[in-house]
Amino acid sequence: MTTESWVEVDEDAGFGIENLPYGVFARPGELPRVGVAIGDRVLDLAAMSAAGLVEDRRYFASGSLNAFMVAGRRAWRANRERVTELLTDPSYRDRVEPHLLPVADVELLRPFEVADYVDFYSNEHHAVNTGRIFRPSGDPLPPNWKRLPVGYHGRAGTVYPSGTPIIRPCGQRRAPGDDEPSYGPSLRLDFEAEAGFVAGVPSSAGRGVATGAFRDHVFGYVLVNDWSARDLQAWESQPLGPFLGKSFATSVSSWVVPVAALEAARTDPPVQDPAPLDYLRCDEPWGLDLRLEVLINGQVAARPRFASMYWTSPQQLAHATVNGAPLRTGDLFASGTVSGPERDQRGCMLELSWNGQEPLELPDGTKRTFLEDGDTVTIRAQAPTASGSRITLGEVTGTVHPAQG
């Protein structure tokens, strides 16, 4: 059993002492700084440092987590142990409590500066469904899919914090049966329910990061919504990959859950057949028992399971760097859409509505093929802990606004 915190915590909310995720926040009229979530409070680490309660080498009085993330695994572990001590030992309560701020009174910002952004395509259920939709008479999986983690390089400048309005993108699209493309707002705007990991410690150019070195480089996990304009994407992805259909917006959650908080969530991934090449082999089980939930306008649309991901996070990192591309602090790697074998486990509207052919009916009776202006999409997730409780990865949310172009 884990030690209990003296901070009042609603265990069902998932922000207990076994979580302690990091974020960046600001109060009105004050500069952003780093904090840790506990219950419905955020512990101001900059103020804690000024009071001499935590060690800080200018990590926390900052508008991003990057300075702390680059400090490395020893600093991450030491600070996590210290914060745990401060929040569980009642003798510290009088000194710590003044630095606990209600989350409701602060603005949560994007937690880190994004260096590069990669999005993978690593869920077999999603890949098979997509293949069946667009290649109904062919093999749903391309021949390389089970040999390597397929991905695309996205745009770091449009990775936005949770709550940022999503403007419906414009671009070229060619409707089925049309000979010529047309220009205008996307008519098939979609969400993609994902989780992602963020790098802290860089790697050297010319040398890949081995699967066994994952913990030495990766700071933690966030939730990701890789918004997608399916009609723009389908027209432009011939023969290259996604461009304007993806680059307009990607949303990330406010809290970064440390890798250490997810150790108890590790589980065996699906069997990989054929066996991966040596650089992709993993000595540890790195599937993650994350249970996602997708809501459209507050109504549950899907409950994908992350444990079904075919390619694991260490394999994705190893593949992304095997060509010698250096890892940088703030590099974000998203999992790709999380889906499952059942319809209510599908992680995007493309699958849920089968490309618009089978409208999704929400609990209130409204139907959707793709997202409409005014729709709010929220993705949240939980994971098990060693004590048998659950922690949360928070949520990532965004509301669709009309096109402006």
Protein backbone atom coordinates (compact mmCIF):
# COMPACT_ATOMS: atom_id res chain seq x y z
CA MET A 1 0.00 0.00 0.00
CA THR A 2 1.17 3.51 -0.75
CA THR A 3 1.61 6.21 1.89
CA GLU A 4 -1.35 8.55 2.14
CA SER A 5 -1.09 12.28 1.60
CA TRP A 6 -2.19 14.77 4.23
CA VAL A 7 -3.76 16.73 1.34
CA GLU A 8 -7.45 15.95 0.99
CA VAL A 9 -7.78 13.92 -2.21
CA ASP A 10 -10.76 12.50 -4.04
CA GLU A 11 -9.30 9.13 -5.02
CA ASP A 12 -11.81 8.76 -7.87
CA ALA A 13 -10.41 11.93 -9.49
CA GLY A 14 -7.05 10.24 -10.09
CA PHE A 15 -4.70 12.97 -8.82
CA GLY A 16 -3.47 11.12 -5.76
CA ILE A 17 0.01 10.72 -4.34
CA GLU A 18 0.90 7.94 -6.82
CA ASN A 19 0.43 10.30 -9.75
CA LEU A 20 2.06 13.73 -9.13
CA PRO A 21 1.97 14.95 -12.75
CA TYR A 22 3.78 18.14 -13.79
CA GLY A 23 2.27 21.13 -15.51
CA VAL A 24 2.73 24.84 -16.12
CA PHE A 25 0.27 27.34 -14.69
CA ALA A 26 -0.23 31.05 -14.16
CA ARG A 27 -2.29 33.22 -11.86
CA PRO A 28 -3.71 36.55 -13.03
CA GLY A 29 -0.95 39.12 -13.33
CA GLU A 30 1.83 36.63 -12.57
CA LEU A 31 4.40 34.83 -14.71
CA PRO A 32 3.95 31.14 -15.60
CA ARG A 33 5.72 28.55 -13.48
CA VAL A 34 5.88 24.81 -12.90
CA GLY A 35 3.58 22.94 -10.54
CA VAL A 36 2.54 19.44 -9.52
CA ALA A 37 -1.08 18.32 -9.27
CA ILE A 38 -2.33 16.80 -6.02
CA GLY A 39 -6.08 16.41 -5.54
CA ASP A 40 -7.79 19.59 -6.71
CA ARG A 41 -4.68 21.65 -5.98
CA VAL A 42 -1.48 22.54 -7.74
CA LEU A 43 1.72 22.67 -5.72
CA ASP A 44 3.71 25.76 -6.75
CA LEU A 45 7.24 24.39 -7.19
CA ALA A 46 8.75 27.80 -7.85
CA ALA A 47 7.44 29.05 -4.51
CA MET A 48 8.54 25.82 -2.86
CA SER A 49 12.05 26.38 -4.17
CA ALA A 50 12.11 29.97 -2.93
CA ALA A 51 11.11 28.65 0.50
CA GLY A 52 13.98 26.17 0.44
CA LEU A 53 11.70 23.14 0.39
CA VAL A 54 12.78 21.65 -2.94
CA GLU A 55 16.04 21.82 -4.84
CA ASP A 56 15.76 24.02 -7.90
CA ARG A 57 18.48 24.85 -10.38
CA ARG A 58 16.22 27.40 -12.07
CA TYR A 59 13.92 24.60 -13.24
CA PHE A 60 10.59 25.75 -11.92
CA ALA A 61 10.31 29.54 -12.23
CA SER A 62 9.79 29.01 -15.92
CA GLY A 63 7.09 28.98 -18.53
CA SER A 64 7.83 25.39 -19.53
CA LEU A 65 9.03 22.06 -18.21
CA ASN A 66 11.94 21.90 -20.65
CA ALA A 67 14.64 23.01 -18.19
CA PHE A 68 13.57 20.35 -15.70
CA MET A 69 13.11 17.66 -18.37
CA VAL A 70 16.65 18.10 -19.68
CA ALA A 71 18.04 17.65 -16.14
CA GLY A 72 17.61 13.91 -16.48
CA ARG A 73 16.38 10.87 -14.68
CA ARG A 74 18.31 11.41 -11.43
CA ALA A 75 16.81 14.89 -10.98
CA TRP A 76 13.34 13.62 -11.91
CA ARG A 77 13.55 10.81 -9.35
CA ALA A 78 14.95 13.05 -6.59
CA ASN A 79 12.24 15.68 -7.03
CA ARG A 80 9.47 13.07 -7.15
CA GLU A 81 10.75 11.52 -3.91
CA ARG A 82 11.04 14.92 -2.25
CA VAL A 83 7.55 16.05 -3.28
CA THR A 84 6.14 12.72 -2.08
CA GLU A 85 7.87 13.24 1.27
CA LEU A 86 6.56 16.78 1.65
CA LEU A 87 2.99 15.77 0.83
CA THR A 88 2.88 12.72 3.09
CA ASP A 89 4.83 13.80 6.19
CA PRO A 90 2.45 15.89 8.35
CA SER A 91 5.40 17.72 9.92
CA TYR A 92 5.80 19.67 6.66
CA ARG A 93 2.15 20.65 6.37
CA ASP A 94 2.39 24.16 7.84
CA ARG A 95 5.25 25.07 5.46
CA VAL A 96 3.85 23.44 2.34
CA GLU A 97 0.15 24.24 2.58
CA PRO A 98 0.52 27.96 1.68
CA HIS A 99 1.94 26.89 -1.68
CA LEU A 100 -1.02 24.67 -2.59
CA LEU A 101 -3.29 26.61 -4.94
CA PRO A 102 -6.78 25.61 -6.09
CA VAL A 103 -6.59 24.43 -9.69
CA ALA A 104 -9.81 26.33 -10.31
CA ASP A 105 -7.97 29.60 -9.56
CA VAL A 106 -5.13 29.16 -12.07
CA GLU A 107 -4.78 28.95 -15.83
CA LEU A 108 -3.18 25.74 -17.09
CA LEU A 109 -0.85 26.31 -20.04
CA ARG A 110 0.95 24.09 -22.53
CA PRO A 111 3.34 22.21 -20.26
CA PHE A 112 6.44 22.14 -22.50
CA GLU A 113 7.95 23.75 -25.57
CA VAL A 114 7.61 21.31 -28.46
CA ALA A 115 10.85 20.76 -30.38
CA ASP A 116 9.65 18.25 -32.98
CA TYR A 117 6.43 16.32 -33.36
CA VAL A 118 5.99 12.79 -34.70
CA ASP A 119 2.70 10.95 -34.96
CA PHE A 120 2.66 7.17 -35.35
CA TYR A 121 0.15 4.75 -36.85
CA SER A 122 0.68 1.89 -34.41
CA ASN A 123 -2.71 0.38 -33.60
CA GLU A 124 -3.57 -2.65 -35.71
CA HIS A 125 -7.33 -2.29 -35.27
CA HIS A 126 -7.19 1.30 -36.53
CA ALA A 127 -4.84 0.43 -39.40
CA VAL A 128 -7.00 -2.52 -40.50
CA ASN A 129 -10.22 -0.50 -40.32
CA THR A 130 -8.64 2.34 -42.31
CA GLY A 131 -7.35 -0.13 -44.89
CA ARG A 132 -10.76 -1.75 -45.26
CA ILE A 133 -12.42 1.64 -45.69
CA PHE A 134 -10.05 2.87 -48.41
CA ARG A 135 -8.92 -0.45 -49.93
CA PRO A 136 -11.96 -2.73 -49.57
CA SER A 137 -10.74 -5.22 -52.17
CA GLY A 138 -7.08 -5.30 -51.08
CA ASP A 139 -4.94 -6.21 -48.10
CA PRO A 140 -5.88 -3.72 -45.36
CA LEU A 141 -2.29 -3.58 -44.06
CA PRO A 142 0.60 -2.51 -46.29
CA PRO A 143 3.53 -4.98 -46.32
CA ASN A 144 5.74 -2.82 -44.07
CA TRP A 145 3.20 -2.24 -41.28
CA LYS A 146 4.23 -5.18 -39.08
CA ARG A 147 7.91 -4.58 -39.78
CA LEU A 148 8.27 -1.04 -38.44
CA PRO A 149 6.31 1.66 -36.60
CA VAL A 150 4.85 3.77 -39.40
CA GLY A 151 4.67 7.50 -38.68
CA TYR A 152 4.72 10.99 -40.11
CA HIS A 153 6.59 14.11 -39.07
CA GLY A 154 4.12 16.76 -37.93
CA ARG A 155 4.29 20.47 -37.22
CA ALA A 156 5.52 21.51 -33.77
CA GLY A 157 4.17 25.05 -34.14
CA THR A 158 0.54 23.92 -34.11
CA VAL A 159 0.68 21.74 -31.00
CA TYR A 160 -1.74 23.59 -28.74
CA PRO A 161 -2.69 23.29 -25.05
CA SER A 162 -5.97 21.72 -24.05
CA GLY A 163 -8.88 24.11 -24.42
CA THR A 164 -7.51 25.98 -27.44
CA PRO A 165 -10.28 26.60 -30.03
CA ILE A 166 -9.94 24.47 -33.15
CA ILE A 167 -10.60 26.47 -36.31
CA ARG A 168 -12.02 24.32 -39.09
CA PRO A 169 -9.25 24.15 -41.71
CA CYS A 170 -9.59 25.02 -45.38
CA GLY A 171 -7.85 23.40 -48.31
CA GLN A 172 -8.27 21.34 -51.44
CA ARG A 173 -10.55 18.32 -51.41
CA ARG A 174 -12.03 16.19 -54.13
CA ALA A 175 -15.40 14.62 -53.41
CA PRO A 176 -16.11 11.05 -54.57
CA GLY A 177 -17.24 11.11 -58.17
CA ASP A 178 -15.81 14.57 -58.90
CA ASP A 179 -13.21 14.93 -61.62
CA GLU A 180 -11.68 18.12 -60.25
CA PRO A 181 -10.79 19.27 -56.74
CA SER A 182 -12.44 22.22 -55.04
CA TYR A 183 -11.31 24.61 -52.31
CA GLY A 184 -13.10 25.28 -49.06
CA PRO A 185 -13.57 24.29 -45.42
CA SER A 186 -13.01 20.65 -44.56
CA LEU A 187 -16.27 18.72 -44.66
CA ARG A 188 -14.84 15.71 -42.82
CA LEU A 189 -13.22 17.06 -39.70
CA ASP A 190 -12.19 14.34 -37.26
CA PHE A 191 -10.52 13.76 -33.91
CA GLU A 192 -7.97 11.08 -33.09
CA ALA A 193 -7.73 9.73 -29.54
CA GLU A 194 -4.06 9.19 -28.68
CA ALA A 195 -1.46 9.24 -25.95
CA GLY A 196 2.05 10.57 -26.46
CA PHE A 197 5.39 10.70 -24.71
CA VAL A 198 7.76 13.65 -24.45
CA ALA A 199 11.54 13.45 -24.48
CA GLY A 200 13.63 15.14 -21.83
CA VAL A 201 17.26 14.10 -22.31
CA PRO A 202 18.66 14.62 -25.85
CA SER A 203 20.64 12.02 -27.78
CA SER A 204 23.70 12.42 -29.97
CA ALA A 205 23.39 12.80 -33.73
CA GLY A 206 24.26 9.64 -35.61
CA ARG A 207 23.35 7.27 -32.77
CA GLY A 208 19.96 5.72 -32.19
CA VAL A 209 18.26 5.34 -28.80
CA ALA A 210 17.97 1.67 -27.83
CA THR A 211 14.66 0.35 -26.51
CA GLY A 212 16.33 -0.33 -23.15
CA ALA A 213 17.31 3.35 -22.81
CA PHE A 214 13.71 4.60 -22.96
CA ARG A 215 13.53 5.65 -19.28
CA ASP A 216 16.82 7.55 -19.58
CA HIS A 217 15.42 9.89 -22.20
CA VAL A 218 11.63 10.07 -21.80
CA PHE A 219 10.11 12.29 -19.11
CA GLY A 220 6.44 11.41 -19.26
CA TYR A 221 3.14 10.99 -21.08
CA VAL A 222 0.34 13.29 -22.22
CA LEU A 223 -2.98 12.81 -23.94
CA VAL A 224 -3.11 13.88 -27.58
CA ASN A 225 -5.87 14.76 -30.02
CA ASP A 226 -4.41 14.68 -33.53
CA TRP A 227 -7.19 16.61 -35.28
CA SER A 228 -7.60 15.47 -38.88
CA ALA A 229 -9.29 16.86 -41.96
CA ARG A 230 -10.04 13.57 -43.69
CA ASP A 231 -11.06 15.02 -47.04
CA LEU A 232 -7.96 17.22 -47.29
CA GLN A 233 -5.83 14.31 -46.15
CA ALA A 234 -7.23 11.83 -48.67
CA TRP A 235 -6.64 14.16 -51.61
CA GLU A 236 -3.14 15.31 -50.65
CA SER A 237 -1.75 11.93 -49.50
CA GLN A 238 -1.06 10.76 -53.05
CA PRO A 239 1.68 9.57 -52.99
CA LEU A 240 3.21 11.25 -49.92
CA GLY A 241 1.81 11.36 -46.40
CA PRO A 242 -0.33 13.79 -44.39
CA PHE A 243 0.32 17.50 -44.72
CA LEU A 244 -2.43 20.16 -44.49
CA GLY A 245 -4.95 17.57 -43.34
CA LYS A 246 -3.00 17.24 -40.09
CA SER A 247 -0.80 20.30 -39.60
CA PHE A 248 -3.53 22.79 -38.60
CA ALA A 249 -3.88 21.61 -34.99
CA THR A 250 -2.82 18.99 -32.46
CA SER A 251 -4.00 19.31 -28.85
CA VAL A 252 -2.17 18.05 -25.75
CA SER A 253 -3.30 17.68 -22.15
CA SER A 254 -2.18 20.05 -19.42
CA TRP A 255 -0.48 17.49 -17.16
CA VAL A 256 2.59 15.38 -17.99
CA VAL A 257 2.41 12.10 -16.08
CA PRO A 258 5.93 10.88 -15.26
CA VAL A 259 7.05 7.53 -16.65
CA ALA A 260 7.62 6.45 -13.03
CA ALA A 261 3.91 6.90 -12.25
CA LEU A 262 2.98 4.43 -14.99
CA GLU A 263 5.24 1.52 -14.02
CA ALA A 264 2.29 -0.44 -12.60
CA ALA A 265 0.36 0.12 -15.83
CA ARG A 266 2.91 -1.73 -17.95
CA THR A 267 1.53 -4.90 -19.51
CA ASP A 268 2.30 -7.33 -22.30
CA PRO A 269 1.62 -5.83 -25.75
CA PRO A 270 0.02 -7.87 -28.54
CA VAL A 271 2.17 -10.67 -29.95
CA GLN A 272 4.32 -9.31 -32.76
CA ASP A 273 4.44 -11.66 -35.73
CA PRO A 274 6.79 -11.61 -37.56
CA ALA A 275 9.36 -10.97 -34.84
CA PRO A 276 10.75 -7.42 -35.13
CA LEU A 277 14.32 -6.75 -36.17
CA ASP A 278 16.90 -6.64 -33.40
CA TYR A 279 16.88 -2.86 -32.87
CA LEU A 280 13.12 -3.03 -32.21
CA ARG A 281 13.21 -5.88 -29.72
CA CYS A 282 12.27 -5.01 -26.14
CA ASP A 283 13.35 -6.96 -23.06
CA GLU A 284 10.49 -5.57 -20.96
CA PRO A 285 6.74 -5.52 -21.51
CA TRP A 286 5.93 -1.96 -22.56
CA GLY A 287 2.28 -2.19 -23.40
CA LEU A 288 0.34 0.27 -21.21
CA ASP A 289 -3.01 -0.38 -19.58
CA LEU A 290 -4.46 3.05 -20.30
CA ARG A 291 -8.23 3.25 -20.58
CA LEU A 292 -9.28 6.15 -22.76
CA GLU A 293 -12.69 7.74 -22.98
CA VAL A 294 -13.85 10.06 -25.77
CA LEU A 295 -16.73 12.45 -25.25
CA ILE A 296 -18.48 14.56 -27.87
CA ASN A 297 -20.43 17.40 -26.29
CA GLY A 298 -20.19 15.65 -22.93
CA GLN A 299 -21.51 12.33 -24.21
CA VAL A 300 -19.41 9.19 -24.36
CA ALA A 301 -18.63 8.26 -27.97
CA ALA A 302 -15.93 5.62 -27.47
CA ARG A 303 -13.75 3.87 -24.89
CA PRO A 304 -10.51 2.77 -26.59
CA ARG A 305 -7.92 0.61 -24.79
CA PHE A 306 -4.28 1.61 -25.19
CA ALA A 307 -3.09 -1.90 -24.29
CA SER A 308 -4.04 -2.94 -27.83
CA MET A 309 -1.24 -0.85 -29.40
CA TYR A 310 0.86 -3.12 -31.62
CA TRP A 311 4.03 -1.02 -31.46
CA THR A 312 5.16 0.14 -28.01
CA SER A 313 6.65 3.48 -26.97
CA PRO A 314 10.28 2.22 -26.68
CA GLN A 315 9.98 0.69 -30.15
CA GLN A 316 8.63 3.94 -31.55
CA LEU A 317 11.51 5.89 -30.02
CA ALA A 318 14.10 3.39 -31.25
CA HIS A 319 12.73 3.54 -34.77
CA ALA A 320 12.46 7.34 -34.82
CA THR A 321 16.17 7.66 -33.98
CA VAL A 322 17.70 4.60 -35.66
CA ASN A 323 18.71 6.66 -38.70
CA GLY A 324 20.80 8.90 -36.45
CA ALA A 325 18.28 11.73 -36.03
CA PRO A 326 19.11 13.34 -32.66
CA LEU A 327 16.53 13.43 -29.91
CA ARG A 328 15.81 16.92 -28.54
CA THR A 329 14.27 18.09 -25.30
CA GLY A 330 10.58 18.63 -25.95
CA ASP A 331 10.26 16.14 -28.81
CA LEU A 332 6.68 14.84 -28.78
CA PHE A 333 5.84 11.37 -30.06
CA ALA A 334 2.14 10.54 -30.38
CA SER A 335 0.93 6.95 -30.46
CA GLY A 336 -1.45 7.16 -33.36
CA THR A 337 -5.18 6.52 -33.03
CA VAL A 338 -6.10 4.09 -30.26
CA SER A 339 -8.81 1.66 -31.31
CA GLY A 340 -10.16 -1.76 -30.43
CA PRO A 341 -12.07 -4.64 -31.99
CA GLU A 342 -15.53 -3.34 -31.02
CA ARG A 343 -17.27 -0.32 -32.51
CA ASP A 344 -17.44 1.49 -29.17
CA GLN A 345 -13.65 1.16 -28.88
CA ARG A 346 -12.84 3.01 -32.11
CA GLY A 347 -10.78 6.15 -31.56
CA CYS A 348 -11.89 8.45 -34.42
CA MET A 349 -14.96 9.38 -36.44
CA LEU A 350 -13.50 7.83 -39.59
CA GLU A 351 -13.92 4.45 -37.92
CA LEU A 352 -16.94 5.21 -35.73
CA SER A 353 -19.01 6.30 -38.76
CA TRP A 354 -17.15 4.09 -41.26
CA ASN A 355 -16.17 7.12 -43.31
CA GLY A 356 -19.63 8.64 -43.04
CA GLN A 357 -21.56 5.57 -44.19
CA GLU A 358 -22.80 4.55 -40.72
CA PRO A 359 -23.60 7.64 -38.61
CA LEU A 360 -22.69 7.46 -34.94
CA GLU A 361 -25.67 7.97 -32.65
CA LEU A 362 -24.82 9.65 -29.35
CA PRO A 363 -26.72 8.90 -26.13
CA ASP A 364 -28.97 11.98 -26.57
CA GLY A 365 -30.06 10.77 -30.01
CA THR A 366 -28.00 13.21 -32.07
CA LYS A 367 -25.99 11.69 -34.90
CA ARG A 368 -22.59 12.47 -36.37
CA THR A 369 -20.66 11.32 -39.38
CA PHE A 370 -17.87 13.85 -38.80
CA LEU A 371 -17.50 16.81 -36.45
CA GLU A 372 -19.74 19.85 -36.75
CA ASP A 373 -19.00 23.47 -35.79
CA GLY A 374 -19.62 23.90 -32.08
CA ASP A 375 -18.80 20.31 -31.20
CA THR A 376 -16.53 19.86 -28.18
CA VAL A 377 -14.33 16.78 -28.05
CA THR A 378 -12.80 15.65 -24.77
CA ILE A 379 -10.37 12.77 -24.36
CA ARG A 380 -9.45 11.50 -20.92
CA ALA A 381 -7.66 8.42 -19.60
CA GLN A 382 -6.88 6.45 -16.46
CA ALA A 383 -4.23 3.89 -15.51
CA PRO A 384 -3.83 1.41 -12.63
CA THR A 385 -1.37 1.90 -9.76
CA ALA A 386 0.61 -0.51 -7.60
CA SER A 387 -1.82 0.03 -4.70
CA GLY A 388 -4.85 -0.96 -6.78
CA SER A 389 -6.22 2.56 -7.25
CA ARG A 390 -6.19 4.51 -10.48
CA ILE A 391 -4.44 7.65 -11.67
CA THR A 392 -5.57 9.99 -14.41
CA LEU A 393 -3.75 11.50 -17.35
CA GLY A 394 -6.18 14.39 -17.08
CA GLU A 395 -7.98 15.39 -20.23
CA VAL A 396 -7.46 17.14 -23.53
CA THR A 397 -10.34 19.12 -24.95
CA GLY A 398 -11.12 21.35 -27.92
CA THR A 399 -14.17 22.99 -29.48
CA VAL A 400 -14.59 23.26 -33.25
CA HIS A 401 -15.04 26.80 -34.57
CA PRO A 402 -16.10 27.79 -38.11
CA ALA A 403 -13.51 28.19 -40.85
CA GLN A 404 -12.00 31.64 -41.26
CA GLY A 405 -10.34 31.25 -44.65
